[in-house]
Protein backbone atom coordinates (compact mmCIF):
# COMPACT_ATOMS: atom_id res chain seq x y z
CA MET A 1 78.64 -21.30 -51.84
CA ASP A 2 77.97 -22.58 -55.36
CA ASP A 3 81.69 -22.30 -56.14
CA GLU A 4 82.52 -24.29 -53.03
CA ILE A 5 80.02 -27.02 -53.94
CA THR A 6 81.42 -27.19 -57.47
CA MET A 7 84.93 -27.50 -56.06
CA ILE A 8 83.84 -30.34 -53.77
CA ALA A 9 82.05 -32.15 -56.60
CA ASP A 10 85.05 -31.73 -58.90
CA ALA A 11 87.33 -33.18 -56.24
CA ALA A 12 85.01 -36.17 -55.87
CA ALA A 13 84.95 -36.66 -59.64
CA ARG A 14 88.73 -36.55 -59.80
CA ILE A 15 89.21 -39.12 -57.03
CA ALA A 16 86.50 -41.29 -58.56
CA ALA A 17 88.17 -41.25 -61.97
CA GLU A 18 91.66 -41.85 -60.62
CA HIS A 19 90.97 -44.43 -57.93
CA LEU A 20 87.42 -45.80 -57.99
CA ALA A 21 86.74 -46.38 -61.68
CA PRO A 22 89.95 -48.36 -62.40
CA PHE A 23 89.23 -50.57 -59.40
CA ALA A 24 85.46 -51.06 -59.89
CA GLU A 25 85.68 -54.26 -61.91
CA THR A 26 88.13 -55.86 -59.46
CA LEU A 27 85.77 -54.97 -56.63
CA ASP A 28 82.70 -56.24 -58.49
CA ARG A 29 84.36 -59.57 -59.33
CA GLY A 30 85.81 -60.03 -55.87
CA ARG A 31 89.30 -60.50 -57.21
CA GLU A 32 92.43 -60.65 -55.08
CA GLY A 33 92.91 -57.47 -53.08
CA ALA A 34 89.30 -56.34 -53.55
CA LEU A 35 88.51 -55.72 -49.88
CA GLU A 36 91.86 -54.13 -49.10
CA GLY A 37 91.58 -51.79 -52.06
CA PHE A 38 88.00 -50.94 -51.19
CA LEU A 39 88.90 -50.02 -47.61
CA ALA A 40 91.85 -47.99 -48.87
CA ASN A 41 89.52 -46.04 -51.14
CA LEU A 42 87.12 -45.40 -48.25
CA LYS A 43 90.01 -44.01 -46.20
CA ARG A 44 91.06 -41.86 -49.16
CA LEU A 45 87.53 -40.46 -49.38
CA ALA A 46 87.49 -39.79 -45.64
CA ASP A 47 90.81 -37.97 -45.90
CA ASN A 48 89.19 -35.71 -48.48
CA GLY A 49 86.14 -34.94 -46.35
CA PHE A 50 83.52 -37.11 -48.07
CA MET A 51 82.43 -39.30 -45.15
CA ALA A 52 80.84 -36.52 -43.09
CA ILE A 53 79.67 -33.99 -45.66
CA ASN A 54 76.77 -32.60 -43.64
CA VAL A 55 78.43 -32.88 -40.20
CA PRO A 56 79.59 -29.75 -38.36
CA ALA A 57 83.23 -28.84 -38.77
CA ALA A 58 83.63 -28.85 -34.98
CA TYR A 59 83.41 -32.64 -35.13
CA GLY A 60 85.61 -33.08 -38.18
CA GLY A 61 82.87 -32.80 -40.78
CA THR A 62 82.89 -30.89 -44.04
CA GLU A 63 79.67 -29.01 -43.20
CA ALA A 64 78.95 -28.57 -46.91
CA GLY A 65 75.23 -29.41 -46.99
CA ALA A 66 72.80 -31.60 -48.87
CA VAL A 67 73.47 -30.23 -52.36
CA ALA A 68 77.17 -31.01 -51.99
CA PHE A 69 76.29 -34.46 -50.65
CA ALA A 70 74.06 -35.18 -53.64
CA ARG A 71 76.70 -34.13 -56.13
CA VAL A 72 79.45 -36.10 -54.42
CA VAL A 73 77.41 -39.31 -54.28
CA GLU A 74 76.55 -38.95 -57.97
CA GLU A 75 80.19 -38.54 -59.00
CA LEU A 76 81.27 -41.52 -56.91
CA ALA A 77 78.43 -43.70 -58.23
CA LYS A 78 79.39 -42.87 -61.79
CA ALA A 79 82.67 -44.64 -61.08
CA CYS A 80 81.64 -47.29 -58.52
CA ALA A 81 78.17 -47.78 -57.08
CA SER A 82 79.41 -50.04 -54.28
CA THR A 83 81.67 -47.31 -52.94
CA ALA A 84 78.99 -44.65 -53.38
CA VAL A 85 76.38 -46.51 -51.35
CA THR A 86 78.89 -47.02 -48.54
CA VAL A 87 79.60 -43.29 -48.51
CA SER A 88 75.90 -42.45 -48.63
CA VAL A 89 74.96 -44.66 -45.67
CA THR A 90 77.95 -43.52 -43.61
CA ASN A 91 76.91 -39.93 -44.16
CA MET A 92 73.39 -40.83 -43.01
CA VAL A 93 74.79 -42.26 -39.78
CA GLY A 94 76.84 -39.13 -39.20
CA GLU A 95 73.85 -36.88 -39.84
CA ILE A 96 71.69 -38.77 -37.35
CA ILE A 97 74.30 -38.47 -34.63
CA ALA A 98 74.90 -34.80 -35.42
CA ALA A 99 71.16 -34.06 -35.38
CA VAL A 100 69.97 -35.85 -32.23
CA GLY A 101 73.05 -37.19 -30.45
CA SER A 102 74.27 -36.01 -27.08
CA GLU A 103 77.45 -33.98 -26.90
CA ALA A 104 79.31 -37.04 -25.63
CA GLN A 105 78.00 -39.13 -28.55
CA LYS A 106 78.98 -36.50 -31.08
CA GLU A 107 82.50 -36.23 -29.67
CA ALA A 108 82.90 -40.01 -29.48
CA TYR A 109 81.69 -41.01 -32.94
CA LEU A 110 81.60 -38.15 -35.44
CA PRO A 111 85.37 -37.56 -35.69
CA LYS A 112 85.94 -41.29 -36.21
CA LEU A 113 83.42 -41.39 -39.05
CA ALA A 114 84.82 -38.22 -40.57
CA ASP A 115 88.50 -39.19 -40.54
CA GLY A 116 88.08 -42.82 -41.53
CA THR A 117 89.00 -44.34 -38.17
CA TYR A 118 85.69 -46.09 -38.71
CA PRO A 119 85.68 -47.25 -42.35
CA ALA A 120 81.89 -46.90 -42.38
CA GLY A 121 78.76 -46.55 -40.33
CA ALA A 122 75.78 -48.92 -40.45
CA PHE A 123 72.04 -48.27 -40.36
CA CYS A 124 70.15 -51.16 -38.68
CA LEU A 125 66.44 -50.72 -39.30
CA THR A 126 65.08 -53.41 -41.65
CA GLU A 127 63.80 -56.75 -40.36
CA ALA A 128 62.11 -59.75 -41.94
CA GLY A 129 58.68 -58.36 -41.06
CA ALA A 130 59.61 -54.70 -41.03
CA GLY A 131 60.88 -53.44 -44.36
CA SER A 132 58.48 -50.98 -45.94
CA ASP A 133 56.71 -51.00 -42.55
CA PRO A 134 59.53 -50.25 -40.08
CA ALA A 135 57.03 -49.64 -37.29
CA GLY A 136 56.40 -53.39 -37.32
CA MET A 137 59.87 -54.26 -36.03
CA ARG A 138 60.31 -56.94 -33.37
CA THR A 139 63.80 -56.21 -32.06
CA ARG A 140 63.51 -55.40 -28.36
CA ALA A 141 65.55 -53.28 -25.96
CA VAL A 142 64.85 -53.98 -22.29
CA ARG A 143 66.13 -51.76 -19.49
CA ASP A 144 68.32 -53.59 -16.97
CA GLY A 145 69.74 -51.25 -14.36
CA ASP A 146 72.03 -48.76 -16.07
CA ASP A 147 71.96 -50.73 -19.33
CA TYR A 148 69.68 -51.84 -22.13
CA VAL A 149 69.75 -55.41 -23.43
CA LEU A 150 68.98 -55.75 -27.15
CA ASN A 151 67.66 -58.86 -28.88
CA GLY A 152 66.57 -59.25 -32.49
CA THR A 153 67.69 -59.67 -36.08
CA LYS A 154 68.26 -57.00 -38.71
CA LEU A 155 68.45 -57.72 -42.45
CA TYR A 156 70.25 -56.21 -45.45
CA ILE A 157 72.66 -54.12 -43.40
CA THR A 158 75.08 -52.21 -45.62
CA SER A 159 78.73 -52.17 -44.49
CA ALA A 160 78.11 -54.36 -41.43
CA GLU A 161 81.42 -56.20 -41.86
CA TYR A 162 83.56 -53.11 -41.50
CA ALA A 163 81.32 -50.54 -39.80
CA GLY A 164 82.67 -48.95 -36.65
CA VAL A 165 79.31 -47.94 -35.21
CA PHE A 166 75.76 -49.19 -35.77
CA VAL A 167 72.58 -47.15 -35.41
CA VAL A 168 70.08 -49.75 -34.15
CA TRP A 169 66.33 -49.36 -33.79
CA ALA A 170 64.49 -51.42 -31.17
CA VAL A 171 61.14 -51.48 -29.39
CA THR A 172 61.43 -50.07 -25.88
CA ASP A 173 57.70 -49.89 -25.11
CA PRO A 174 55.82 -52.85 -26.61
CA ASP A 175 52.54 -51.56 -25.18
CA ALA A 176 52.70 -48.23 -26.99
CA PRO A 177 50.72 -47.65 -30.19
CA LYS A 178 52.49 -48.99 -33.25
CA GLY A 179 55.54 -46.92 -34.11
CA ARG A 180 55.49 -44.90 -30.89
CA GLY A 181 57.46 -47.24 -28.64
CA ILE A 182 60.65 -47.45 -30.70
CA SER A 183 64.00 -46.05 -29.60
CA CYS A 184 67.36 -45.70 -31.28
CA PHE A 185 70.75 -46.87 -29.97
CA LEU A 186 74.40 -46.53 -30.92
CA VAL A 187 76.20 -49.87 -30.75
CA GLU A 188 79.94 -50.02 -31.30
CA ALA A 189 81.52 -52.74 -33.42
CA GLY A 190 82.86 -55.51 -31.24
CA THR A 191 80.20 -55.12 -28.56
CA PRO A 192 79.46 -58.62 -27.13
CA GLY A 193 76.19 -59.90 -28.56
CA LEU A 194 76.47 -57.92 -31.80
CA VAL A 195 76.86 -60.74 -34.32
CA ILE A 196 77.65 -60.05 -37.97
CA GLY A 197 76.28 -62.80 -40.20
CA LYS A 198 77.28 -64.00 -43.62
CA ARG A 199 77.67 -61.66 -46.55
CA GLU A 200 74.64 -61.87 -48.81
CA GLN A 201 75.16 -62.84 -52.45
CA LYS A 202 73.52 -60.11 -54.52
CA LEU A 203 72.62 -59.33 -58.11
CA GLY A 204 74.69 -56.16 -58.09
CA GLN A 205 76.76 -53.77 -56.00
CA HIS A 206 78.92 -56.74 -55.09
CA GLY A 207 81.67 -54.67 -53.52
CA SER A 208 79.39 -53.32 -50.80
CA ALA A 209 78.94 -55.86 -48.01
CA THR A 210 75.33 -56.59 -47.06
CA ASN A 211 74.87 -58.73 -43.96
CA ILE A 212 72.43 -60.06 -41.41
CA VAL A 213 73.07 -58.48 -38.00
CA THR A 214 71.87 -60.37 -34.95
CA LEU A 215 71.60 -58.93 -31.46
CA GLU A 216 71.95 -61.67 -28.86
CA ASP A 217 71.62 -60.24 -25.34
CA CYS A 218 73.64 -57.30 -26.60
CA ARG A 219 74.18 -55.04 -23.60
CA VAL A 220 74.75 -51.30 -24.07
CA PRO A 221 74.75 -48.50 -21.51
CA ALA A 222 71.65 -46.35 -21.21
CA SER A 223 73.81 -43.49 -22.48
CA ALA A 224 73.93 -45.29 -25.84
CA MET A 225 70.31 -44.28 -26.53
CA LEU A 226 70.30 -41.84 -29.45
CA GLY A 227 67.74 -39.10 -29.05
CA ALA A 228 64.73 -39.28 -26.77
CA GLN A 229 63.23 -42.53 -25.56
CA ASN A 230 60.45 -43.84 -27.83
CA ALA A 231 61.27 -41.20 -30.49
CA GLY A 232 63.15 -43.61 -32.74
CA PHE A 233 60.49 -43.97 -35.40
CA ARG A 234 60.43 -40.22 -36.01
CA ILE A 235 64.23 -40.24 -36.28
CA ALA A 236 64.09 -43.06 -38.83
CA VAL A 237 61.45 -41.40 -40.98
CA GLY A 238 63.34 -38.11 -40.99
CA GLU A 239 66.68 -39.64 -41.89
CA LEU A 240 65.21 -41.88 -44.60
CA ALA A 241 63.97 -38.74 -46.36
CA GLY A 242 67.52 -37.41 -46.49
CA GLY A 243 68.86 -40.79 -47.54
CA ARG A 244 66.52 -40.78 -50.52
CA ILE A 245 68.37 -37.79 -51.92
CA GLY A 246 71.53 -39.87 -51.74
CA ILE A 247 70.03 -42.88 -53.51
CA ALA A 248 68.48 -40.69 -56.20
CA SER A 249 71.92 -39.21 -56.80
CA LEU A 250 73.53 -42.64 -56.80
CA ALA A 251 71.08 -43.90 -59.42
CA ARG A 252 71.69 -40.88 -61.62
CA GLY A 253 75.43 -41.40 -61.38
CA ILE A 254 75.17 -45.00 -62.55
CA ALA A 255 72.88 -43.99 -65.41
CA ARG A 256 75.25 -41.22 -66.49
CA ALA A 257 78.06 -43.74 -66.76
CA ALA A 258 75.84 -46.10 -68.75
CA LEU A 259 74.71 -43.38 -71.14
CA GLU A 260 78.26 -42.16 -71.71
CA ALA A 261 79.34 -45.72 -72.50
CA ALA A 262 76.42 -46.12 -74.90
CA ILE A 263 77.20 -42.87 -76.71
CA ALA A 264 80.83 -43.86 -77.16
CA TYR A 265 79.82 -47.28 -78.45
CA ALA A 266 77.18 -45.86 -80.81
CA LYS A 267 79.77 -43.58 -82.38
CA GLU A 268 82.15 -46.45 -83.17
CA ARG A 269 79.73 -49.29 -83.92
CA GLU A 270 78.93 -49.41 -87.65
CA GLN A 271 75.92 -51.06 -89.25
CA PHE A 272 74.64 -50.63 -92.81
CA GLY A 273 77.76 -48.65 -93.62
CA ALA A 274 77.44 -45.98 -90.93
CA PRO A 275 77.86 -45.55 -87.15
CA ILE A 276 74.60 -46.32 -85.38
CA ALA A 277 74.86 -42.85 -83.77
CA ALA A 278 74.06 -41.44 -87.22
CA MET A 279 70.71 -43.24 -87.30
CA GLN A 280 67.49 -41.67 -86.12
CA GLY A 281 66.38 -44.56 -83.91
CA PRO A 282 69.48 -44.55 -81.65
CA GLN A 283 69.57 -40.75 -81.73
CA TRP A 284 66.07 -40.54 -80.33
CA MET A 285 66.87 -43.14 -77.67
CA ILE A 286 69.87 -41.12 -76.58
CA ALA A 287 67.89 -37.85 -76.64
CA ASP A 288 65.18 -39.33 -74.43
CA ALA A 289 67.76 -40.70 -72.01
CA ALA A 290 69.60 -37.40 -71.74
CA THR A 291 66.32 -35.59 -71.11
CA GLU A 292 65.32 -37.97 -68.35
CA LEU A 293 68.65 -37.58 -66.61
CA GLU A 294 68.40 -33.80 -66.76
CA ALA A 295 64.92 -33.93 -65.22
CA ALA A 296 66.27 -36.22 -62.50
CA ARG A 297 69.09 -33.76 -61.79
CA LEU A 298 66.66 -30.91 -61.26
CA LEU A 299 64.44 -32.93 -58.91
CA ILE A 300 67.45 -34.03 -56.85
CA LEU A 301 68.88 -30.53 -56.55
CA GLU A 302 65.50 -29.07 -55.56
CA ALA A 303 65.09 -31.63 -52.76
CA ALA A 304 68.63 -30.96 -51.57
CA ARG A 305 68.10 -27.18 -51.76
CA LEU A 306 64.99 -27.43 -49.60
CA LYS A 307 66.83 -29.53 -47.05
CA ASP A 308 69.71 -27.07 -46.89
CA ALA A 309 67.24 -24.22 -46.42
CA GLY A 310 65.60 -25.98 -43.48
CA LEU A 311 62.30 -26.26 -45.34
CA PRO A 312 60.02 -29.32 -45.58
CA TYR A 313 61.59 -31.63 -48.17
CA ALA A 314 60.17 -35.13 -47.64
CA ARG A 315 57.81 -34.90 -50.63
CA ALA A 316 60.54 -33.48 -52.87
CA ALA A 317 62.96 -36.20 -51.73
CA SER A 318 60.43 -38.93 -52.52
CA MET A 319 59.75 -37.40 -55.93
CA ALA A 320 63.48 -37.23 -56.63
CA LYS A 321 64.03 -40.79 -55.48
CA LEU A 322 61.05 -42.18 -57.40
CA TYR A 323 61.76 -40.43 -60.67
CA SER A 324 65.55 -40.67 -60.63
CA THR A 325 65.74 -44.37 -59.81
CA GLU A 326 63.03 -45.36 -62.28
CA ALA A 327 64.61 -43.17 -64.97
CA ALA A 328 68.01 -44.69 -64.20
CA GLN A 329 66.55 -48.15 -64.83
CA ARG A 330 65.25 -47.05 -68.22
CA VAL A 331 68.45 -45.27 -69.22
CA THR A 332 70.71 -48.11 -68.16
CA TYR A 333 68.66 -50.74 -69.96
CA LEU A 334 68.57 -48.47 -73.01
CA ALA A 335 72.36 -48.24 -72.84
CA LEU A 336 72.62 -52.02 -72.78
CA GLN A 337 70.23 -52.23 -75.73
CA LEU A 338 72.36 -49.81 -77.74
CA HIS A 339 75.33 -52.09 -77.15
CA GLY A 340 73.39 -54.98 -78.68
CA GLY A 341 74.70 -58.42 -77.82
CA ALA A 342 77.98 -56.91 -76.66
CA GLY A 343 76.19 -55.24 -73.77
CA TYR A 344 75.23 -58.61 -72.34
CA LEU A 345 78.89 -59.59 -72.02
CA THR A 346 81.06 -58.80 -69.04
CA ASP A 347 83.58 -57.28 -71.45
CA HIS A 348 81.62 -54.00 -71.24
CA PRO A 349 80.89 -52.16 -67.97
CA VAL A 350 77.28 -51.50 -69.01
CA GLU A 351 76.53 -55.04 -67.82
CA ARG A 352 77.69 -54.05 -64.32
CA TYR A 353 75.77 -50.77 -64.44
CA THR A 354 72.60 -52.68 -65.28
CA ARG A 355 73.02 -54.94 -62.26
CA ASP A 356 74.09 -52.16 -59.91
CA VAL A 357 71.19 -49.83 -60.71
CA ARG A 358 68.43 -52.37 -60.10
CA ILE A 359 68.43 -52.10 -56.30
CA THR A 360 67.96 -48.33 -56.32
CA THR A 361 64.19 -48.65 -56.79
CA ILE A 362 64.09 -50.90 -53.73
CA TYR A 363 66.35 -49.73 -50.91
CA GLU A 364 65.72 -46.55 -48.91
CA GLY A 365 62.03 -47.10 -49.65
CA THR A 366 60.67 -48.79 -52.76
CA SER A 367 59.17 -46.88 -55.66
CA GLU A 368 55.76 -48.01 -54.46
CA ILE A 369 56.36 -46.53 -51.01
CA GLN A 370 57.52 -43.26 -52.60
CA ARG A 371 54.27 -43.09 -54.56
CA MET A 372 52.33 -43.56 -51.33
CA ILE A 373 54.27 -40.77 -49.61
CA ILE A 374 53.81 -38.41 -52.54
CA ALA A 375 50.09 -39.20 -52.93
CA ARG A 376 49.37 -38.64 -49.24
CA ASP A 377 51.09 -35.29 -49.35
CA VAL A 378 49.39 -34.21 -52.57
CA LEU A 379 45.98 -35.31 -51.30
CA GLY A 380 46.55 -33.81 -47.89
CA GLY A 381 45.91 -37.11 -46.14
């Protein structure tokens, strides 16, 4: 199994180096052909099995597990964070459907995610008043005969512009205790009432579309409910834990790229008659960065191993996400510092890495939320 995972990760690294890395700046700057090239790369990744890594082979998935998923996301993020986050979220959507979907739902959606018929999947949970507190959502789903009618607004939805299917959370029992009256629905792109808003202008990860999604009397059949009625909050919490492994891996991938760029620059940049890599100060900075990234790797792989083994992994995933994303911030800023003034210019990719890594401590649960999760588990509360 380890050999198979290594082979999958190596394939991801090869595609990333050949197709994602050369295109990353074009995508980041929104130059001509950016969207077309991005979608072509997503299809290329689907053709190589990277859009449904933990989905059963019977539905077109790779069925390679969480460790393989973590390693693939890291290799893709090292080349292009915008592509990596799209892959990570799409895999989350596939995992949800595979885990709790009906047979009809699995047959309808999983092959299309796996083979790239759908360029991406979207995860519609966050709202203006329900970010770190998803149980506070206001989107409603009201039964009307054989259908449900959805109304509400979701924020910060990755891949909304080109997603083929949306996993949407909505309150189905407003009288239930908080968090217990939420259900989950699959809404296909193009469904009347599913309105994709403007693309948000972001600090980083420019190539990944982030949109407002509004549900305006959006009617879906009752068969579109994913999992049991009023069990949506549990589904969300479970899938977010797995998604945190992906974001931890993504952050580490960005930081690896930044550190490699800094090492190369330190070896060629001369000051006081010698490369700065020969000086103790930069050497110690690089040593600390390399150590932090190795610690992050071990935390990520342990969380993924536990998930693959079917063991409780939420605490390990939160630890991996917390440490890896915070370490990635430190390493990436250190890499920029080692570049000196040059690092602040768009001539060097470390500037992009610095912007791209910032969001990783925020999405899929902020660092503060991870600390709360970890503390409650440690304290037994």
